[in-house]
């Protein structure tokens, strides 16, 4: 695992792991995230996103205590 200094420095990352509720993560540009990530995978430890929205956007989305999308 590599921790990046800039929260959105995702270039060629395998996945995004969210462990904070920083405002920068609250209103993502889904298309930009998909462009930057090697695979559209998000592990959300703060349940920031709507599961159905993530599914509709084409992400594999794993959150705490809710259903998973793949």
PDB file of N, CA and C in Angstrom:
ATOM      1  N   UNK A   1       0.846  -1.154   0.000  1.00  0.00           N
ATOM      2  CA  UNK A   1       0.000   0.000   0.000  1.00  0.00           C
ATOM      3  C   UNK A   1       0.899   1.226   0.000  1.00  0.00           C
ATOM      4  N   UNK A   2       0.504   2.219  -0.776  1.00  0.00           N
ATOM      5  CA  UNK A   2       1.224   3.483  -0.835  1.00  0.00           C
ATOM      6  C   UNK A   2       0.273   4.598  -0.427  1.00  0.00           C
ATOM      7  N   UNK A   3       0.685   5.377   0.547  1.00  0.00           N
ATOM      8  CA  UNK A   3      -0.116   6.512   0.998  1.00  0.00           C
ATOM      9  C   UNK A   3       0.379   7.744   0.255  1.00  0.00           C
ATOM     10  N   UNK A   4      -0.535   8.465  -0.344  1.00  0.00           N
ATOM     11  CA  UNK A   4      -0.179   9.650  -1.133  1.00  0.00           C
ATOM     12  C   UNK A   4      -0.348  10.906  -0.289  1.00  0.00           C
ATOM     13  N   UNK A   5       0.467  11.921  -0.579  1.00  0.00           N
ATOM     14  CA  UNK A   5       0.371  13.187   0.155  1.00  0.00           C
ATOM     15  C   UNK A   5      -0.851  13.997  -0.253  1.00  0.00           C
ATOM     16  N   UNK A   6      -1.157  14.006  -1.541  1.00  0.00           N
ATOM     17  CA  UNK A   6      -2.335  14.721  -2.040  1.00  0.00           C
ATOM     18  C   UNK A   6      -3.507  13.747  -2.089  1.00  0.00           C
ATOM     19  N   UNK A   7      -4.647  14.088  -1.507  1.00  0.00           N
ATOM     20  CA  UNK A   7      -5.777  13.163  -1.450  1.00  0.00           C
ATOM     21  C   UNK A   7      -6.262  12.662  -2.803  1.00  0.00           C
ATOM     22  N   UNK A   8      -6.061  13.432  -3.869  1.00  0.00           N
ATOM     23  CA  UNK A   8      -6.546  13.000  -5.176  1.00  0.00           C
ATOM     24  C   UNK A   8      -5.420  12.601  -6.125  1.00  0.00           C
ATOM     25  N   UNK A   9      -4.238  12.307  -5.581  1.00  0.00           N
ATOM     26  CA  UNK A   9      -3.126  11.808  -6.394  1.00  0.00           C
ATOM     27  C   UNK A   9      -3.330  10.306  -6.577  1.00  0.00           C
ATOM     28  N   UNK A  10      -4.194   9.959  -7.508  1.00  0.00           N
ATOM     29  CA  UNK A  10      -4.607   8.565  -7.689  1.00  0.00           C
ATOM     30  C   UNK A  10      -4.021   7.921  -8.932  1.00  0.00           C
ATOM     31  N   UNK A  11      -3.194   8.641  -9.660  1.00  0.00           N
ATOM     32  CA  UNK A  11      -2.705   8.147 -10.936  1.00  0.00           C
ATOM     33  C   UNK A  11      -2.135   6.735 -10.827  1.00  0.00           C
ATOM     34  N   UNK A  12      -2.759   5.813 -11.569  1.00  0.00           N
ATOM     35  CA  UNK A  12      -2.341   4.409 -11.634  1.00  0.00           C
ATOM     36  C   UNK A  12      -2.530   3.655 -10.318  1.00  0.00           C
ATOM     37  N   UNK A  13      -3.296   4.203  -9.374  1.00  0.00           N
ATOM     38  CA  UNK A  13      -3.590   3.479  -8.138  1.00  0.00           C
ATOM     39  C   UNK A  13      -4.555   2.339  -8.435  1.00  0.00           C
ATOM     40  N   UNK A  14      -4.427   1.257  -7.701  1.00  0.00           N
ATOM     41  CA  UNK A  14      -5.300   0.101  -7.870  1.00  0.00           C
ATOM     42  C   UNK A  14      -6.697   0.366  -7.328  1.00  0.00           C
ATOM     43  N   UNK A  15      -6.791   1.210  -6.289  1.00  0.00           N
ATOM     44  CA  UNK A  15      -8.076   1.482  -5.643  1.00  0.00           C
ATOM     45  C   UNK A  15      -7.946   2.734  -4.782  1.00  0.00           C
ATOM     46  N   UNK A  16      -9.088   3.282  -4.407  1.00  0.00           N
ATOM     47  CA  UNK A  16      -9.145   4.397  -3.470  1.00  0.00           C
ATOM     48  C   UNK A  16      -9.676   3.863  -2.148  1.00  0.00           C
ATOM     49  N   UNK A  17      -8.950   4.128  -1.061  1.00  0.00           N
ATOM     50  CA  UNK A  17      -9.384   3.739   0.279  1.00  0.00           C
ATOM     51  C   UNK A  17      -9.668   5.028   1.049  1.00  0.00           C
ATOM     52  N   UNK A  18     -10.912   5.188   1.481  1.00  0.00           N
ATOM     53  CA  UNK A  18     -11.313   6.404   2.193  1.00  0.00           C
ATOM     54  C   UNK A  18     -11.428   6.091   3.678  1.00  0.00           C
ATOM     55  N   UNK A  19     -10.619   6.802   4.477  1.00  0.00           N
ATOM     56  CA  UNK A  19     -10.627   6.601   5.932  1.00  0.00           C
ATOM     57  C   UNK A  19     -10.900   7.906   6.670  1.00  0.00           C
ATOM     58  N   UNK A  20     -11.314   8.924   5.947  1.00  0.00           N
ATOM     59  CA  UNK A  20     -11.557  10.235   6.526  1.00  0.00           C
ATOM     60  C   UNK A  20     -12.806  10.846   5.909  1.00  0.00           C
ATOM     61  N   UNK A  21     -13.374  11.817   6.581  1.00  0.00           N
ATOM     62  CA  UNK A  21     -14.556  12.505   6.061  1.00  0.00           C
ATOM     63  C   UNK A  21     -14.197  13.874   5.496  1.00  0.00           C
ATOM     64  N   UNK A  22     -12.983  14.050   5.019  1.00  0.00           N
ATOM     65  CA  UNK A  22     -12.569  15.336   4.459  1.00  0.00           C
ATOM     66  C   UNK A  22     -13.525  15.759   3.361  1.00  0.00           C
ATOM     67  N   UNK A  23     -13.768  17.050   3.272  1.00  0.00           N
ATOM     68  CA  UNK A  23     -14.721  17.574   2.289  1.00  0.00           C
ATOM     69  C   UNK A  23     -14.310  17.268   0.854  1.00  0.00           C
ATOM     70  N   UNK A  24     -13.032  17.123   0.588  1.00  0.00           N
ATOM     71  CA  UNK A  24     -12.573  16.835  -0.774  1.00  0.00           C
ATOM     72  C   UNK A  24     -13.145  15.513  -1.302  1.00  0.00           C
ATOM     73  N   UNK A  25     -13.492  14.603  -0.402  1.00  0.00           N
ATOM     74  CA  UNK A  25     -14.051  13.312  -0.806  1.00  0.00           C
ATOM     75  C   UNK A  25     -15.580  13.318  -0.870  1.00  0.00           C
ATOM     76  N   UNK A  26     -16.217  14.350  -0.342  1.00  0.00           N
ATOM     77  CA  UNK A  26     -17.683  14.353  -0.243  1.00  0.00           C
ATOM     78  C   UNK A  26     -18.402  14.551  -1.572  1.00  0.00           C
ATOM     79  N   UNK A  27     -17.830  15.291  -2.484  1.00  0.00           N
ATOM     80  CA  UNK A  27     -18.475  15.546  -3.781  1.00  0.00           C
ATOM     81  C   UNK A  27     -17.504  15.205  -4.908  1.00  0.00           C
ATOM     82  N   UNK A  28     -17.298  13.929  -5.145  1.00  0.00           N
ATOM     83  CA  UNK A  28     -16.298  13.518  -6.133  1.00  0.00           C
ATOM     84  C   UNK A  28     -16.777  13.716  -7.567  1.00  0.00           C
ATOM     85  N   UNK A  29     -15.826  13.871  -8.444  1.00  0.00           N
ATOM     86  CA  UNK A  29     -16.078  13.826  -9.877  1.00  0.00           C
ATOM     87  C   UNK A  29     -15.851  12.367 -10.275  1.00  0.00           C
ATOM     88  N   UNK A  30     -16.931  11.618 -10.417  1.00  0.00           N
ATOM     89  CA  UNK A  30     -16.822  10.181 -10.650  1.00  0.00           C
ATOM     90  C   UNK A  30     -16.052   9.852 -11.923  1.00  0.00           C
ATOM     91  N   UNK A  31     -16.263  10.625 -12.972  1.00  0.00           N
ATOM     92  CA  UNK A  31     -15.565  10.355 -14.231  1.00  0.00           C
ATOM     93  C   UNK A  31     -14.059  10.554 -14.074  1.00  0.00           C
ATOM     94  N   UNK A  32     -13.669  11.595 -13.343  1.00  0.00           N
ATOM     95  CA  UNK A  32     -12.242  11.843 -13.110  1.00  0.00           C
ATOM     96  C   UNK A  32     -11.638  10.718 -12.269  1.00  0.00           C
ATOM     97  N   UNK A  33     -12.362  10.283 -11.241  1.00  0.00           N
ATOM     98  CA  UNK A  33     -11.876   9.174 -10.425  1.00  0.00           C
ATOM     99  C   UNK A  33     -11.639   7.938 -11.284  1.00  0.00           C
ATOM    100  N   UNK A  34     -12.582   7.641 -12.166  1.00  0.00           N
ATOM    101  CA  UNK A  34     -12.447   6.462 -13.028  1.00  0.00           C
ATOM    102  C   UNK A  34     -11.269   6.599 -13.984  1.00  0.00           C
ATOM    103  N   UNK A  35     -10.981   7.816 -14.429  1.00  0.00           N
ATOM    104  CA  UNK A  35      -9.836   8.037 -15.311  1.00  0.00           C
ATOM    105  C   UNK A  35      -8.520   7.833 -14.577  1.00  0.00           C
ATOM    106  N   UNK A  36      -8.455   8.275 -13.336  1.00  0.00           N
ATOM    107  CA  UNK A  36      -7.207   8.226 -12.576  1.00  0.00           C
ATOM    108  C   UNK A  36      -6.897   6.847 -12.008  1.00  0.00           C
ATOM    109  N   UNK A  37      -7.927   6.128 -11.592  1.00  0.00           N
ATOM    110  CA  UNK A  37      -7.718   4.813 -10.991  1.00  0.00           C
ATOM    111  C   UNK A  37      -7.441   3.762 -12.059  1.00  0.00           C
ATOM    112  N   UNK A  38      -6.526   2.867 -11.759  1.00  0.00           N
ATOM    113  CA  UNK A  38      -6.250   1.762 -12.677  1.00  0.00           C
ATOM    114  C   UNK A  38      -7.476   0.863 -12.802  1.00  0.00           C
ATOM    115  N   UNK A  39      -8.180   0.683 -11.692  1.00  0.00           N
ATOM    116  CA  UNK A  39      -9.432  -0.075 -11.636  1.00  0.00           C
ATOM    117  C   UNK A  39     -10.426   0.773 -10.839  1.00  0.00           C
ATOM    118  N   UNK A  40     -11.699   0.823 -11.228  1.00  0.00           N
ATOM    119  CA  UNK A  40     -12.672   1.655 -10.507  1.00  0.00           C
ATOM    120  C   UNK A  40     -13.155   0.985  -9.216  1.00  0.00           C
ATOM    121  N   UNK A  41     -12.272   0.948  -8.221  1.00  0.00           N
ATOM    122  CA  UNK A  41     -12.561   0.275  -6.952  1.00  0.00           C
ATOM    123  C   UNK A  41     -12.414   1.283  -5.814  1.00  0.00           C
ATOM    124  N   UNK A  42     -13.432   1.345  -4.951  1.00  0.00           N
ATOM    125  CA  UNK A  42     -13.386   2.231  -3.788  1.00  0.00           C
ATOM    126  C   UNK A  42     -13.738   1.437  -2.536  1.00  0.00           C
ATOM    127  N   UNK A  43     -12.878   1.541  -1.527  1.00  0.00           N
ATOM    128  CA  UNK A  43     -13.141   1.010  -0.195  1.00  0.00           C
ATOM    129  C   UNK A  43     -13.448   2.225   0.679  1.00  0.00           C
ATOM    130  N   UNK A  44     -14.681   2.326   1.149  1.00  0.00           N
ATOM    131  CA  UNK A  44     -15.149   3.512   1.857  1.00  0.00           C
ATOM    132  C   UNK A  44     -15.380   3.199   3.328  1.00  0.00           C
ATOM    133  N   UNK A  45     -14.438   3.593   4.157  1.00  0.00           N
ATOM    134  CA  UNK A  45     -14.538   3.359   5.589  1.00  0.00           C
ATOM    135  C   UNK A  45     -15.422   4.360   6.312  1.00  0.00           C
ATOM    136  N   UNK A  46     -15.939   5.350   5.594  1.00  0.00           N
ATOM    137  CA  UNK A  46     -16.769   6.386   6.216  1.00  0.00           C
ATOM    138  C   UNK A  46     -18.190   6.429   5.662  1.00  0.00           C
ATOM    139  N   UNK A  47     -18.526   5.533   4.742  1.00  0.00           N
ATOM    140  CA  UNK A  47     -19.864   5.492   4.120  1.00  0.00           C
ATOM    141  C   UNK A  47     -20.264   6.850   3.541  1.00  0.00           C
ATOM    142  N   UNK A  48     -19.372   7.436   2.770  1.00  0.00           N
ATOM    143  CA  UNK A  48     -19.622   8.757   2.203  1.00  0.00           C
ATOM    144  C   UNK A  48     -20.554   8.737   1.003  1.00  0.00           C
ATOM    145  N   UNK A  49     -20.586   7.626   0.277  1.00  0.00           N
ATOM    146  CA  UNK A  49     -21.308   7.611  -0.994  1.00  0.00           C
ATOM    147  C   UNK A  49     -22.519   6.699  -0.952  1.00  0.00           C
ATOM    148  N   UNK A  50     -23.472   6.999  -1.813  1.00  0.00           N
ATOM    149  CA  UNK A  50     -24.677   6.202  -1.958  1.00  0.00           C
ATOM    150  C   UNK A  50     -24.341   4.945  -2.759  1.00  0.00           C
ATOM    151  N   UNK A  51     -24.699   3.795  -2.239  1.00  0.00           N
ATOM    152  CA  UNK A  51     -24.368   2.517  -2.879  1.00  0.00           C
ATOM    153  C   UNK A  51     -24.935   2.444  -4.294  1.00  0.00           C
ATOM    154  N   UNK A  52     -26.173   2.862  -4.472  1.00  0.00           N
ATOM    155  CA  UNK A  52     -26.809   2.799  -5.795  1.00  0.00           C
ATOM    156  C   UNK A  52     -26.126   3.730  -6.793  1.00  0.00           C
ATOM    157  N   UNK A  53     -25.699   4.908  -6.326  1.00  0.00           N
ATOM    158  CA  UNK A  53     -24.975   5.833  -7.208  1.00  0.00           C
ATOM    159  C   UNK A  53     -23.661   5.220  -7.673  1.00  0.00           C
ATOM    160  N   UNK A  54     -22.958   4.588  -6.753  1.00  0.00           N
ATOM    161  CA  UNK A  54     -21.670   3.987  -7.105  1.00  0.00           C
ATOM    162  C   UNK A  54     -21.857   2.852  -8.108  1.00  0.00           C
ATOM    163  N   UNK A  55     -22.901   2.085  -7.922  1.00  0.00           N
ATOM    164  CA  UNK A  55     -23.208   0.999  -8.848  1.00  0.00           C
ATOM    165  C   UNK A  55     -23.534   1.568 -10.235  1.00  0.00           C
ATOM    166  N   UNK A  56     -24.343   2.622 -10.274  1.00  0.00           N
ATOM    167  CA  UNK A  56     -24.719   3.243 -11.548  1.00  0.00           C
ATOM    168  C   UNK A  56     -23.513   3.854 -12.257  1.00  0.00           C
ATOM    169  N   UNK A  57     -22.536   4.323 -11.501  1.00  0.00           N
ATOM    170  CA  UNK A  57     -21.333   4.926 -12.078  1.00  0.00           C
ATOM    171  C   UNK A  57     -20.302   3.886 -12.516  1.00  0.00           C
ATOM    172  N   UNK A  58     -20.544   2.615 -12.176  1.00  0.00           N
ATOM    173  CA  UNK A  58     -19.651   1.554 -12.630  1.00  0.00           C
ATOM    174  C   UNK A  58     -18.484   1.239 -11.712  1.00  0.00           C
ATOM    175  N   UNK A  59     -18.586   1.621 -10.445  1.00  0.00           N
ATOM    176  CA  UNK A  59     -17.523   1.337  -9.484  1.00  0.00           C
ATOM    177  C   UNK A  59     -17.776   0.021  -8.758  1.00  0.00           C
ATOM    178  N   UNK A  60     -16.710  -0.660  -8.394  1.00  0.00           N
ATOM    179  CA  UNK A  60     -16.788  -1.712  -7.385  1.00  0.00           C
ATOM    180  C   UNK A  60     -16.643  -0.961  -6.066  1.00  0.00           C
ATOM    181  N   UNK A  61     -17.671  -1.030  -5.239  1.00  0.00           N
ATOM    182  CA  UNK A  61     -17.742  -0.177  -4.057  1.00  0.00           C
ATOM    183  C   UNK A  61     -17.950  -1.028  -2.818  1.00  0.00           C
ATOM    184  N   UNK A  62     -17.052  -0.858  -1.855  1.00  0.00           N
ATOM    185  CA  UNK A  62     -17.100  -1.618  -0.609  1.00  0.00           C
ATOM    186  C   UNK A  62     -17.204  -0.620   0.538  1.00  0.00           C
ATOM    187  N   UNK A  63     -18.296  -0.706   1.298  1.00  0.00           N
ATOM    188  CA  UNK A  63     -18.480   0.200   2.425  1.00  0.00           C
ATOM    189  C   UNK A  63     -18.728  -0.624   3.687  1.00  0.00           C
ATOM    190  N   UNK A  64     -18.780   0.048   4.809  1.00  0.00           N
ATOM    191  CA  UNK A  64     -18.920  -0.623   6.094  1.00  0.00           C
ATOM    192  C   UNK A  64     -20.397  -0.847   6.408  1.00  0.00           C
ATOM    193  N   UNK A  65     -20.804  -2.097   6.598  1.00  0.00           N
ATOM    194  CA  UNK A  65     -22.153  -2.423   7.033  1.00  0.00           C
ATOM    195  C   UNK A  65     -23.242  -2.247   5.990  1.00  0.00           C
ATOM    196  N   UNK A  66     -22.865  -2.109   4.725  1.00  0.00           N
ATOM    197  CA  UNK A  66     -23.854  -1.967   3.658  1.00  0.00           C
ATOM    198  C   UNK A  66     -23.511  -2.929   2.529  1.00  0.00           C
ATOM    199  N   UNK A  67     -24.434  -3.062   1.575  1.00  0.00           N
ATOM    200  CA  UNK A  67     -24.186  -3.998   0.481  1.00  0.00           C
ATOM    201  C   UNK A  67     -23.012  -3.529  -0.371  1.00  0.00           C
ATOM    202  N   UNK A  68     -22.393  -4.482  -1.038  1.00  0.00           N
ATOM    203  CA  UNK A  68     -21.240  -4.237  -1.897  1.00  0.00           C
ATOM    204  C   UNK A  68     -21.683  -4.219  -3.345  1.00  0.00           C
ATOM    205  N   UNK A  69     -21.071  -3.361  -4.158  1.00  0.00           N
ATOM    206  CA  UNK A  69     -21.324  -3.384  -5.597  1.00  0.00           C
ATOM    207  C   UNK A  69     -20.073  -3.884  -6.291  1.00  0.00           C
ATOM    208  N   UNK A  70     -20.261  -4.675  -7.306  1.00  0.00           N
ATOM    209  CA  UNK A  70     -19.104  -5.147  -8.084  1.00  0.00           C
ATOM    210  C   UNK A  70     -19.424  -5.143  -9.560  1.00  0.00           C
TER     211      UNK A  70
END
